[in-house]
């Protein structure tokens, strides 16, 4: 099985690295040649065009910022659809709307190419450790064929249904993550301005009902005021836009999610889109006229 990987960003590069380290013959494509070269040094193979990677590979992963980028890679004249072999399986691990995912899957069927939508959760740390959660939508037989590839990159891997189900599950995940980030930020500002050491707050409540994977991942960053991106504000905002669009299409009101989406929008308007999504705490700090101290204690 020859495997292709298109999109070697914060998430894609370590994910492709695990495939290479686990012995899969892996072909690589990204505009960032440094990322490609780093993985070539691990044993991967560089490609220069979508056409080249389509002609070489049986399974091709895409990990790209938005639907427009996925569409270009799939359906341009030199794209994967026009140049892929029949029965190629394309696994899109980007965060798209279910509507876009289903549209792409249907178009690929016209070329005899199969699609699995398999977005991930866990951010850069879990991508580096190979412990991502992967939620896959598509034909179960095709899912079983590529399961060893998923197992190279993740730990919690679930086939959730047909095409579009993976994308919908990821959007549900993003609702929960985003609201948790807002709640964690609001609570941290409240506690800090009340004179509480944030280290002690975290110790006191993390083991109770308020504890969460979001808290465990992001509270240390808030305490250290380290907002280097594992998941960028602009990407989170894009995902919430997909949530809003999909919810409108099926008639699901999302009052809390839409409010949190505006917090992310404010941060982008203030030039913070490329910071880690935990930096939405800045919104709550400015409202309270109080910045949480580095180290967690005033």
C-alpha atoms as a PDB file:
ATOM      1  CA  UNK A   1       0.000   0.000   0.000  1.00  0.00           C
ATOM      2  CA  UNK A   2       1.456   3.336  -1.100  1.00  0.00           C
ATOM      3  CA  UNK A   3       0.231   6.236   1.013  1.00  0.00           C
ATOM      4  CA  UNK A   4       0.098   9.917   0.097  1.00  0.00           C
ATOM      5  CA  UNK A   5      -0.165  12.858   2.483  1.00  0.00           C
ATOM      6  CA  UNK A   6      -1.119  16.346   1.288  1.00  0.00           C
ATOM      7  CA  UNK A   7      -0.863  19.107   3.909  1.00  0.00           C
ATOM      8  CA  UNK A   8       2.042  19.049   6.344  1.00  0.00           C
ATOM      9  CA  UNK A   9       1.121  21.816   8.763  1.00  0.00           C
ATOM     10  CA  UNK A  10       0.991  21.832  12.556  1.00  0.00           C
ATOM     11  CA  UNK A  11      -1.087  18.649  12.567  1.00  0.00           C
ATOM     12  CA  UNK A  12      -0.267  17.014   9.244  1.00  0.00           C
ATOM     13  CA  UNK A  13       3.489  16.863   9.632  1.00  0.00           C
ATOM     14  CA  UNK A  14       3.582  14.769  12.826  1.00  0.00           C
ATOM     15  CA  UNK A  15       0.723  12.596  11.544  1.00  0.00           C
ATOM     16  CA  UNK A  16       2.614  11.802   8.339  1.00  0.00           C
ATOM     17  CA  UNK A  17       5.726  11.247  10.419  1.00  0.00           C
ATOM     18  CA  UNK A  18       4.039   8.424  12.317  1.00  0.00           C
ATOM     19  CA  UNK A  19       3.082   6.706   9.045  1.00  0.00           C
ATOM     20  CA  UNK A  20       6.710   6.848   7.915  1.00  0.00           C
ATOM     21  CA  UNK A  21       8.077   5.632  11.256  1.00  0.00           C
ATOM     22  CA  UNK A  22       5.628   2.714  11.214  1.00  0.00           C
ATOM     23  CA  UNK A  23       6.959   1.549   7.865  1.00  0.00           C
ATOM     24  CA  UNK A  24       4.306   2.760   5.428  1.00  0.00           C
ATOM     25  CA  UNK A  25       5.648   3.869   2.045  1.00  0.00           C
ATOM     26  CA  UNK A  26       4.607   7.516   2.266  1.00  0.00           C
ATOM     27  CA  UNK A  27       4.614  10.221  -0.427  1.00  0.00           C
ATOM     28  CA  UNK A  28       4.495  13.848   0.682  1.00  0.00           C
ATOM     29  CA  UNK A  29       3.233  17.141  -0.726  1.00  0.00           C
ATOM     30  CA  UNK A  30       3.149  20.617   0.809  1.00  0.00           C
ATOM     31  CA  UNK A  31       3.998  24.178  -0.200  1.00  0.00           C
ATOM     32  CA  UNK A  32       6.377  24.257   2.778  1.00  0.00           C
ATOM     33  CA  UNK A  33       9.379  22.421   1.386  1.00  0.00           C
ATOM     34  CA  UNK A  34      11.124  22.465   4.783  1.00  0.00           C
ATOM     35  CA  UNK A  35       8.315  20.308   6.187  1.00  0.00           C
ATOM     36  CA  UNK A  36       8.592  17.937   3.240  1.00  0.00           C
ATOM     37  CA  UNK A  37      12.370  17.703   3.565  1.00  0.00           C
ATOM     38  CA  UNK A  38      12.141  17.020   7.300  1.00  0.00           C
ATOM     39  CA  UNK A  39       9.934  14.002   6.617  1.00  0.00           C
ATOM     40  CA  UNK A  40      12.061  12.878   3.669  1.00  0.00           C
ATOM     41  CA  UNK A  41      14.916  12.625   6.166  1.00  0.00           C
ATOM     42  CA  UNK A  42      12.754  10.175   8.126  1.00  0.00           C
ATOM     43  CA  UNK A  43      12.210   8.021   5.042  1.00  0.00           C
ATOM     44  CA  UNK A  44       9.320   9.693   3.209  1.00  0.00           C
ATOM     45  CA  UNK A  45       9.254  10.516  -0.501  1.00  0.00           C
ATOM     46  CA  UNK A  46       8.766  14.035  -1.842  1.00  0.00           C
ATOM     47  CA  UNK A  47       6.241  14.846  -4.582  1.00  0.00           C
ATOM     48  CA  UNK A  48       5.952  18.108  -6.483  1.00  0.00           C
ATOM     49  CA  UNK A  49       2.326  18.028  -7.703  1.00  0.00           C
ATOM     50  CA  UNK A  50      -1.080  16.624  -6.817  1.00  0.00           C
ATOM     51  CA  UNK A  51      -0.958  14.711 -10.103  1.00  0.00           C
ATOM     52  CA  UNK A  52       2.269  12.981  -9.095  1.00  0.00           C
ATOM     53  CA  UNK A  53       0.957  11.920  -5.710  1.00  0.00           C
ATOM     54  CA  UNK A  54      -2.335  10.739  -7.273  1.00  0.00           C
ATOM     55  CA  UNK A  55      -0.540   8.545  -9.806  1.00  0.00           C
ATOM     56  CA  UNK A  56       1.700   6.926  -7.195  1.00  0.00           C
ATOM     57  CA  UNK A  57      -0.631   6.248  -4.269  1.00  0.00           C
ATOM     58  CA  UNK A  58      -3.435   3.860  -3.300  1.00  0.00           C
ATOM     59  CA  UNK A  59      -4.545   5.858  -0.245  1.00  0.00           C
ATOM     60  CA  UNK A  60      -4.174   9.640   0.016  1.00  0.00           C
ATOM     61  CA  UNK A  61      -4.647  11.757   3.134  1.00  0.00           C
ATOM     62  CA  UNK A  62      -5.537  15.442   2.939  1.00  0.00           C
ATOM     63  CA  UNK A  63      -5.087  17.690   5.972  1.00  0.00           C
ATOM     64  CA  UNK A  64      -5.870  21.236   4.827  1.00  0.00           C
ATOM     65  CA  UNK A  65      -7.200  24.485   6.327  1.00  0.00           C
ATOM     66  CA  UNK A  66     -10.633  24.771   4.676  1.00  0.00           C
ATOM     67  CA  UNK A  67     -13.052  23.343   2.116  1.00  0.00           C
ATOM     68  CA  UNK A  68     -11.760  25.577  -0.692  1.00  0.00           C
ATOM     69  CA  UNK A  69      -8.277  24.112  -0.300  1.00  0.00           C
ATOM     70  CA  UNK A  70      -9.592  20.540  -0.256  1.00  0.00           C
ATOM     71  CA  UNK A  71     -11.698  21.242  -3.350  1.00  0.00           C
ATOM     72  CA  UNK A  72      -8.669  22.604  -5.214  1.00  0.00           C
ATOM     73  CA  UNK A  73      -6.530  19.572  -4.360  1.00  0.00           C
ATOM     74  CA  UNK A  74      -9.300  17.164  -5.328  1.00  0.00           C
ATOM     75  CA  UNK A  75     -10.837  18.695  -8.426  1.00  0.00           C
ATOM     76  CA  UNK A  76      -8.320  20.967 -10.182  1.00  0.00           C
ATOM     77  CA  UNK A  77      -7.131  19.721 -13.578  1.00  0.00           C
ATOM     78  CA  UNK A  78      -3.960  18.396 -11.961  1.00  0.00           C
ATOM     79  CA  UNK A  79      -5.873  17.180  -8.895  1.00  0.00           C
ATOM     80  CA  UNK A  80      -6.400  13.861  -7.240  1.00  0.00           C
ATOM     81  CA  UNK A  81      -9.738  13.082  -8.909  1.00  0.00           C
ATOM     82  CA  UNK A  82      -8.584  13.551 -12.507  1.00  0.00           C
ATOM     83  CA  UNK A  83      -5.338  11.675 -11.971  1.00  0.00           C
ATOM     84  CA  UNK A  84      -6.088   9.097  -9.293  1.00  0.00           C
ATOM     85  CA  UNK A  85      -6.361   5.376  -9.945  1.00  0.00           C
ATOM     86  CA  UNK A  86      -9.768   3.659  -9.710  1.00  0.00           C
ATOM     87  CA  UNK A  87     -10.544   2.506  -6.165  1.00  0.00           C
ATOM     88  CA  UNK A  88      -8.117   4.990  -4.641  1.00  0.00           C
ATOM     89  CA  UNK A  89      -9.256   5.889  -1.130  1.00  0.00           C
ATOM     90  CA  UNK A  90      -8.984   9.566  -0.238  1.00  0.00           C
ATOM     91  CA  UNK A  91      -9.106  10.296   3.493  1.00  0.00           C
ATOM     92  CA  UNK A  92      -9.842  13.912   4.287  1.00  0.00           C
ATOM     93  CA  UNK A  93      -8.814  14.738   7.844  1.00  0.00           C
ATOM     94  CA  UNK A  94      -9.574  18.452   7.554  1.00  0.00           C
ATOM     95  CA  UNK A  95     -12.458  20.005   9.490  1.00  0.00           C
ATOM     96  CA  UNK A  96     -15.218  20.539   6.905  1.00  0.00           C
ATOM     97  CA  UNK A  97     -18.974  20.858   7.032  1.00  0.00           C
ATOM     98  CA  UNK A  98     -20.965  17.654   6.485  1.00  0.00           C
ATOM     99  CA  UNK A  99     -22.503  19.284   3.410  1.00  0.00           C
ATOM    100  CA  UNK A 100     -19.098  19.885   1.781  1.00  0.00           C
ATOM    101  CA  UNK A 101     -17.930  16.408   2.724  1.00  0.00           C
ATOM    102  CA  UNK A 102     -20.949  14.696   1.160  1.00  0.00           C
ATOM    103  CA  UNK A 103     -20.622  16.822  -1.977  1.00  0.00           C
ATOM    104  CA  UNK A 104     -16.949  15.904  -2.382  1.00  0.00           C
ATOM    105  CA  UNK A 105     -17.640  12.209  -1.749  1.00  0.00           C
ATOM    106  CA  UNK A 106     -20.399  12.141  -4.383  1.00  0.00           C
ATOM    107  CA  UNK A 107     -18.198  13.878  -6.956  1.00  0.00           C
ATOM    108  CA  UNK A 108     -15.315  11.487  -6.292  1.00  0.00           C
ATOM    109  CA  UNK A 109     -17.610   8.507  -6.896  1.00  0.00           C
ATOM    110  CA  UNK A 110     -17.953   9.694 -10.503  1.00  0.00           C
ATOM    111  CA  UNK A 111     -14.217   9.019 -10.894  1.00  0.00           C
ATOM    112  CA  UNK A 112     -14.382   5.615  -9.201  1.00  0.00           C
ATOM    113  CA  UNK A 113     -12.611   7.031  -6.141  1.00  0.00           C
ATOM    114  CA  UNK A 114     -13.769   6.471  -2.560  1.00  0.00           C
ATOM    115  CA  UNK A 115     -13.721   8.997   0.264  1.00  0.00           C
ATOM    116  CA  UNK A 116     -13.572   8.776   4.030  1.00  0.00           C
ATOM    117  CA  UNK A 117     -14.006  11.907   6.137  1.00  0.00           C
ATOM    118  CA  UNK A 118     -11.885  11.438   9.246  1.00  0.00           C
ATOM    119  CA  UNK A 119     -11.326  14.664  11.176  1.00  0.00           C
ATOM    120  CA  UNK A 120      -9.336  14.519  14.389  1.00  0.00           C
ATOM    121  CA  UNK A 121      -9.295  15.921  17.889  1.00  0.00           C
ATOM    122  CA  UNK A 122      -6.417  16.332  20.299  1.00  0.00           C
ATOM    123  CA  UNK A 123      -4.423  19.172  18.798  1.00  0.00           C
ATOM    124  CA  UNK A 124      -0.712  19.294  18.112  1.00  0.00           C
ATOM    125  CA  UNK A 125       0.361  17.502  21.342  1.00  0.00           C
ATOM    126  CA  UNK A 126      -1.698  14.403  20.559  1.00  0.00           C
ATOM    127  CA  UNK A 127      -0.646  14.527  16.897  1.00  0.00           C
ATOM    128  CA  UNK A 128       2.994  14.450  18.000  1.00  0.00           C
ATOM    129  CA  UNK A 129       2.340  11.571  20.420  1.00  0.00           C
ATOM    130  CA  UNK A 130       0.246   9.607  17.899  1.00  0.00           C
ATOM    131  CA  UNK A 131      -2.724   9.614  20.265  1.00  0.00           C
ATOM    132  CA  UNK A 132      -5.341  11.552  18.294  1.00  0.00           C
ATOM    133  CA  UNK A 133      -9.042  10.849  18.440  1.00  0.00           C
ATOM    134  CA  UNK A 134     -10.235  10.046  14.914  1.00  0.00           C
ATOM    135  CA  UNK A 135     -13.911  10.117  13.922  1.00  0.00           C
ATOM    136  CA  UNK A 136     -14.433   8.462  10.538  1.00  0.00           C
ATOM    137  CA  UNK A 137     -17.348   8.599   8.125  1.00  0.00           C
ATOM    138  CA  UNK A 138     -17.616   6.445   5.024  1.00  0.00           C
ATOM    139  CA  UNK A 139     -18.043   2.891   3.761  1.00  0.00           C
ATOM    140  CA  UNK A 140     -17.198   0.437   6.544  1.00  0.00           C
ATOM    141  CA  UNK A 141     -15.254  -1.890   4.232  1.00  0.00           C
ATOM    142  CA  UNK A 142     -13.046   0.989   3.102  1.00  0.00           C
ATOM    143  CA  UNK A 143     -12.654   2.077   6.736  1.00  0.00           C
ATOM    144  CA  UNK A 144     -11.421  -1.399   7.702  1.00  0.00           C
ATOM    145  CA  UNK A 145      -8.917  -1.334   4.827  1.00  0.00           C
ATOM    146  CA  UNK A 146      -7.263   1.827   6.131  1.00  0.00           C
ATOM    147  CA  UNK A 147      -7.678   1.199   9.868  1.00  0.00           C
ATOM    148  CA  UNK A 148      -3.977   0.280  10.307  1.00  0.00           C
ATOM    149  CA  UNK A 149      -3.103   3.751   8.986  1.00  0.00           C
ATOM    150  CA  UNK A 150      -5.438   5.380  11.486  1.00  0.00           C
ATOM    151  CA  UNK A 151      -3.921   3.276  14.257  1.00  0.00           C
ATOM    152  CA  UNK A 152      -0.519   4.706  13.381  1.00  0.00           C
ATOM    153  CA  UNK A 153      -1.759   8.226  14.161  1.00  0.00           C
ATOM    154  CA  UNK A 154      -4.423   7.815  16.813  1.00  0.00           C
ATOM    155  CA  UNK A 155      -5.706   5.890  19.810  1.00  0.00           C
ATOM    156  CA  UNK A 156      -9.439   6.561  19.993  1.00  0.00           C
ATOM    157  CA  UNK A 157     -10.644   5.639  16.494  1.00  0.00           C
ATOM    158  CA  UNK A 158     -14.368   5.288  15.798  1.00  0.00           C
ATOM    159  CA  UNK A 159     -16.297   4.616  12.597  1.00  0.00           C
ATOM    160  CA  UNK A 160     -19.305   6.858  13.211  1.00  0.00           C
ATOM    161  CA  UNK A 161     -21.333   6.291  10.020  1.00  0.00           C
ATOM    162  CA  UNK A 162     -21.568   7.186   6.347  1.00  0.00           C
ATOM    163  CA  UNK A 163     -19.846  10.070   4.566  1.00  0.00           C
ATOM    164  CA  UNK A 164     -20.472  13.293   6.452  1.00  0.00           C
ATOM    165  CA  UNK A 165     -20.860  11.598   9.829  1.00  0.00           C
ATOM    166  CA  UNK A 166     -17.198  12.123  10.684  1.00  0.00           C
ATOM    167  CA  UNK A 167     -17.457  15.815   9.852  1.00  0.00           C
ATOM    168  CA  UNK A 168     -20.662  16.209  11.871  1.00  0.00           C
ATOM    169  CA  UNK A 169     -19.074  14.481  14.858  1.00  0.00           C
ATOM    170  CA  UNK A 170     -16.066  16.818  14.649  1.00  0.00           C
ATOM    171  CA  UNK A 171     -18.392  19.829  14.647  1.00  0.00           C
ATOM    172  CA  UNK A 172     -20.097  18.488  17.778  1.00  0.00           C
ATOM    173  CA  UNK A 173     -16.613  18.128  19.270  1.00  0.00           C
ATOM    174  CA  UNK A 174     -15.842  21.754  18.398  1.00  0.00           C
ATOM    175  CA  UNK A 175     -19.013  22.983  20.091  1.00  0.00           C
ATOM    176  CA  UNK A 176     -17.912  21.308  23.313  1.00  0.00           C
ATOM    177  CA  UNK A 177     -14.268  22.423  23.043  1.00  0.00           C
ATOM    178  CA  UNK A 178     -15.145  26.036  22.235  1.00  0.00           C
ATOM    179  CA  UNK A 179     -17.669  26.437  25.034  1.00  0.00           C
ATOM    180  CA  UNK A 180     -15.219  24.793  27.448  1.00  0.00           C
ATOM    181  CA  UNK A 181     -12.496  27.234  26.401  1.00  0.00           C
ATOM    182  CA  UNK A 182     -14.800  30.176  27.044  1.00  0.00           C
ATOM    183  CA  UNK A 183     -15.890  28.812  30.420  1.00  0.00           C
ATOM    184  CA  UNK A 184     -12.295  28.085  31.450  1.00  0.00           C
ATOM    185  CA  UNK A 185     -11.242  31.599  30.433  1.00  0.00           C
ATOM    186  CA  UNK A 186     -14.105  33.292  32.237  1.00  0.00           C
ATOM    187  CA  UNK A 187     -13.557  31.242  35.398  1.00  0.00           C
ATOM    188  CA  UNK A 188      -9.804  31.868  35.378  1.00  0.00           C
ATOM    189  CA  UNK A 189     -10.239  35.634  35.173  1.00  0.00           C
ATOM    190  CA  UNK A 190     -12.852  35.533  37.936  1.00  0.00           C
ATOM    191  CA  UNK A 191     -10.626  33.424  40.210  1.00  0.00           C
ATOM    192  CA  UNK A 192      -7.504  35.452  39.532  1.00  0.00           C
ATOM    193  CA  UNK A 193      -9.153  38.799  40.199  1.00  0.00           C
ATOM    194  CA  UNK A 194     -10.558  37.269  43.400  1.00  0.00           C
ATOM    195  CA  UNK A 195      -6.960  36.709  44.505  1.00  0.00           C
ATOM    196  CA  UNK A 196      -6.811  32.954  43.875  1.00  0.00           C
ATOM    197  CA  UNK A 197      -3.590  31.307  42.707  1.00  0.00           C
ATOM    198  CA  UNK A 198      -4.610  29.650  39.420  1.00  0.00           C
ATOM    199  CA  UNK A 199      -2.371  26.682  40.178  1.00  0.00           C
ATOM    200  CA  UNK A 200      -4.395  26.060  43.347  1.00  0.00           C
ATOM    201  CA  UNK A 201      -7.691  26.562  41.511  1.00  0.00           C
ATOM    202  CA  UNK A 202      -6.643  23.988  38.920  1.00  0.00           C
ATOM    203  CA  UNK A 203      -5.532  21.552  41.622  1.00  0.00           C
ATOM    204  CA  UNK A 204      -8.760  21.997  43.555  1.00  0.00           C
ATOM    205  CA  UNK A 205     -11.285  21.544  40.752  1.00  0.00           C
ATOM    206  CA  UNK A 206      -9.630  19.472  38.032  1.00  0.00           C
ATOM    207  CA  UNK A 207     -10.548  16.189  39.691  1.00  0.00           C
ATOM    208  CA  UNK A 208     -14.200  17.134  40.138  1.00  0.00           C
ATOM    209  CA  UNK A 209     -17.119  17.616  37.799  1.00  0.00           C
ATOM    210  CA  UNK A 210     -15.580  20.776  36.314  1.00  0.00           C
ATOM    211  CA  UNK A 211     -12.466  18.898  35.222  1.00  0.00           C
ATOM    212  CA  UNK A 212     -12.066  18.145  31.513  1.00  0.00           C
ATOM    213  CA  UNK A 213      -9.566  17.273  28.822  1.00  0.00           C
ATOM    214  CA  UNK A 214      -9.771  20.913  27.736  1.00  0.00           C
ATOM    215  CA  UNK A 215      -8.810  22.070  31.215  1.00  0.00           C
ATOM    216  CA  UNK A 216      -5.909  19.627  31.427  1.00  0.00           C
ATOM    217  CA  UNK A 217      -4.591  20.703  28.013  1.00  0.00           C
ATOM    218  CA  UNK A 218      -5.103  24.457  28.292  1.00  0.00           C
ATOM    219  CA  UNK A 219      -4.864  25.441  31.972  1.00  0.00           C
ATOM    220  CA  UNK A 220      -1.063  24.998  32.033  1.00  0.00           C
ATOM    221  CA  UNK A 221      -0.823  27.250  28.958  1.00  0.00           C
ATOM    222  CA  UNK A 222      -2.992  29.898  30.593  1.00  0.00           C
ATOM    223  CA  UNK A 223      -0.899  29.769  33.770  1.00  0.00           C
ATOM    224  CA  UNK A 224       2.340  30.032  31.768  1.00  0.00           C
ATOM    225  CA  UNK A 225       0.799  32.576  29.381  1.00  0.00           C
ATOM    226  CA  UNK A 226       2.110  30.423  26.552  1.00  0.00           C
ATOM    227  CA  UNK A 227      -0.162  30.966  23.576  1.00  0.00           C
ATOM    228  CA  UNK A 228       1.936  29.402  20.844  1.00  0.00           C
ATOM    229  CA  UNK A 229      -0.643  27.671  18.675  1.00  0.00           C
ATOM    230  CA  UNK A 230      -1.577  24.056  19.026  1.00  0.00           C
ATOM    231  CA  UNK A 231      -4.988  24.980  17.628  1.00  0.00           C
ATOM    232  CA  UNK A 232      -5.313  28.469  16.173  1.00  0.00           C
ATOM    233  CA  UNK A 233      -8.141  30.896  16.939  1.00  0.00           C
ATOM    234  CA  UNK A 234      -8.776  31.419  13.214  1.00  0.00           C
ATOM    235  CA  UNK A 235      -9.219  27.683  12.615  1.00  0.00           C
ATOM    236  CA  UNK A 236     -11.549  27.335  15.601  1.00  0.00           C
ATOM    237  CA  UNK A 237     -13.598  30.253  14.267  1.00  0.00           C
ATOM    238  CA  UNK A 238     -13.771  28.612  10.834  1.00  0.00           C
ATOM    239  CA  UNK A 239     -15.066  25.425  12.464  1.00  0.00           C
ATOM    240  CA  UNK A 240     -17.718  27.375  14.370  1.00  0.00           C
ATOM    241  CA  UNK A 241     -18.804  28.920  11.089  1.00  0.00           C
ATOM    242  CA  UNK A 242     -19.306  25.408   9.721  1.00  0.00           C
ATOM    243  CA  UNK A 243     -21.220  24.504  12.882  1.00  0.00           C
ATOM    244  CA  UNK A 244     -23.509  27.500  12.434  1.00  0.00           C
ATOM    245  CA  UNK A 245     -24.110  26.775   8.731  1.00  0.00           C
ATOM    246  CA  UNK A 246     -24.868  23.092   9.314  1.00  0.00           C
ATOM    247  CA  UNK A 247     -27.105  23.823  12.305  1.00  0.00           C
ATOM    248  CA  UNK A 248     -29.085  26.347  10.277  1.00  0.00           C
ATOM    249  CA  UNK A 249     -29.519  23.788   7.489  1.00  0.00           C
ATOM    250  CA  UNK A 250     -31.087  21.202   9.813  1.00  0.00           C
ATOM    251  CA  UNK A 251     -32.928  23.614  12.110  1.00  0.00           C
ATOM    252  CA  UNK A 252     -30.916  23.363  15.330  1.00  0.00           C
ATOM    253  CA  UNK A 253     -30.630  26.575  17.408  1.00  0.00           C
ATOM    254  CA  UNK A 254     -27.212  27.044  19.000  1.00  0.00           C
ATOM    255  CA  UNK A 255     -27.519  30.079  21.282  1.00  0.00           C
ATOM    256  CA  UNK A 256     -24.465  29.405  23.445  1.00  0.00           C
ATOM    257  CA  UNK A 257     -22.233  28.331  20.542  1.00  0.00           C
ATOM    258  CA  UNK A 258     -23.136  31.419  18.526  1.00  0.00           C
ATOM    259  CA  UNK A 259     -22.268  33.659  21.488  1.00  0.00           C
ATOM    260  CA  UNK A 260     -18.882  31.978  21.877  1.00  0.00           C
ATOM    261  CA  UNK A 261     -18.318  32.289  18.125  1.00  0.00           C
ATOM    262  CA  UNK A 262     -18.507  36.072  18.523  1.00  0.00           C
ATOM    263  CA  UNK A 263     -15.760  35.914  21.178  1.00  0.00           C
ATOM    264  CA  UNK A 264     -13.539  34.198  18.615  1.00  0.00           C
ATOM    265  CA  UNK A 265     -14.582  36.791  16.025  1.00  0.00           C
ATOM    266  CA  UNK A 266     -13.518  39.584  18.384  1.00  0.00           C
ATOM    267  CA  UNK A 267     -10.097  38.032  18.841  1.00  0.00           C
ATOM    268  CA  UNK A 268      -9.582  37.790  15.093  1.00  0.00           C
ATOM    269  CA  UNK A 269     -10.638  41.443  14.699  1.00  0.00           C
ATOM    270  CA  UNK A 270      -7.963  42.347  17.244  1.00  0.00           C
ATOM    271  CA  UNK A 271      -5.224  40.573  15.278  1.00  0.00           C
ATOM    272  CA  UNK A 272      -5.038  37.422  17.404  1.00  0.00           C
ATOM    273  CA  UNK A 273      -6.237  34.854  14.873  1.00  0.00           C
ATOM    274  CA  UNK A 274      -2.966  32.939  14.687  1.00  0.00           C
ATOM    275  CA  UNK A 275      -2.584  32.534  18.459  1.00  0.00           C
ATOM    276  CA  UNK A 276      -3.636  29.418  20.329  1.00  0.00           C
ATOM    277  CA  UNK A 277      -7.383  29.208  20.855  1.00  0.00           C
ATOM    278  CA  UNK A 278      -6.833  29.419  24.617  1.00  0.00           C
ATOM    279  CA  UNK A 279      -5.928  33.079  24.022  1.00  0.00           C
ATOM    280  CA  UNK A 280      -9.636  33.910  23.946  1.00  0.00           C
ATOM    281  CA  UNK A 281      -8.948  34.504  27.662  1.00  0.00           C
ATOM    282  CA  UNK A 282      -7.707  37.904  26.450  1.00  0.00           C
ATOM    283  CA  UNK A 283     -11.318  38.832  25.613  1.00  0.00           C
ATOM    284  CA  UNK A 284     -12.437  38.160  29.185  1.00  0.00           C
ATOM    285  CA  UNK A 285      -9.354  39.851  30.654  1.00  0.00           C
ATOM    286  CA  UNK A 286     -10.048  43.042  28.737  1.00  0.00           C
ATOM    287  CA  UNK A 287     -13.670  43.014  29.877  1.00  0.00           C
ATOM    288  CA  UNK A 288     -12.595  42.632  33.519  1.00  0.00           C
ATOM    289  CA  UNK A 289      -9.590  44.979  33.248  1.00  0.00           C
ATOM    290  CA  UNK A 290      -7.449  42.216  34.746  1.00  0.00           C
ATOM    291  CA  UNK A 291      -4.733  40.104  33.171  1.00  0.00           C
ATOM    292  CA  UNK A 292      -4.049  36.734  34.773  1.00  0.00           C
ATOM    293  CA  UNK A 293      -0.410  36.719  35.907  1.00  0.00           C
ATOM    294  CA  UNK A 294       2.268  34.509  34.410  1.00  0.00           C
ATOM    295  CA  UNK A 295       2.805  31.708  36.888  1.00  0.00           C
ATOM    296  CA  UNK A 296      -0.795  31.889  38.057  1.00  0.00           C
ATOM    297  CA  UNK A 297      -0.281  33.989  41.203  1.00  0.00           C
ATOM    298  CA  UNK A 298      -0.285  37.742  41.771  1.00  0.00           C
END
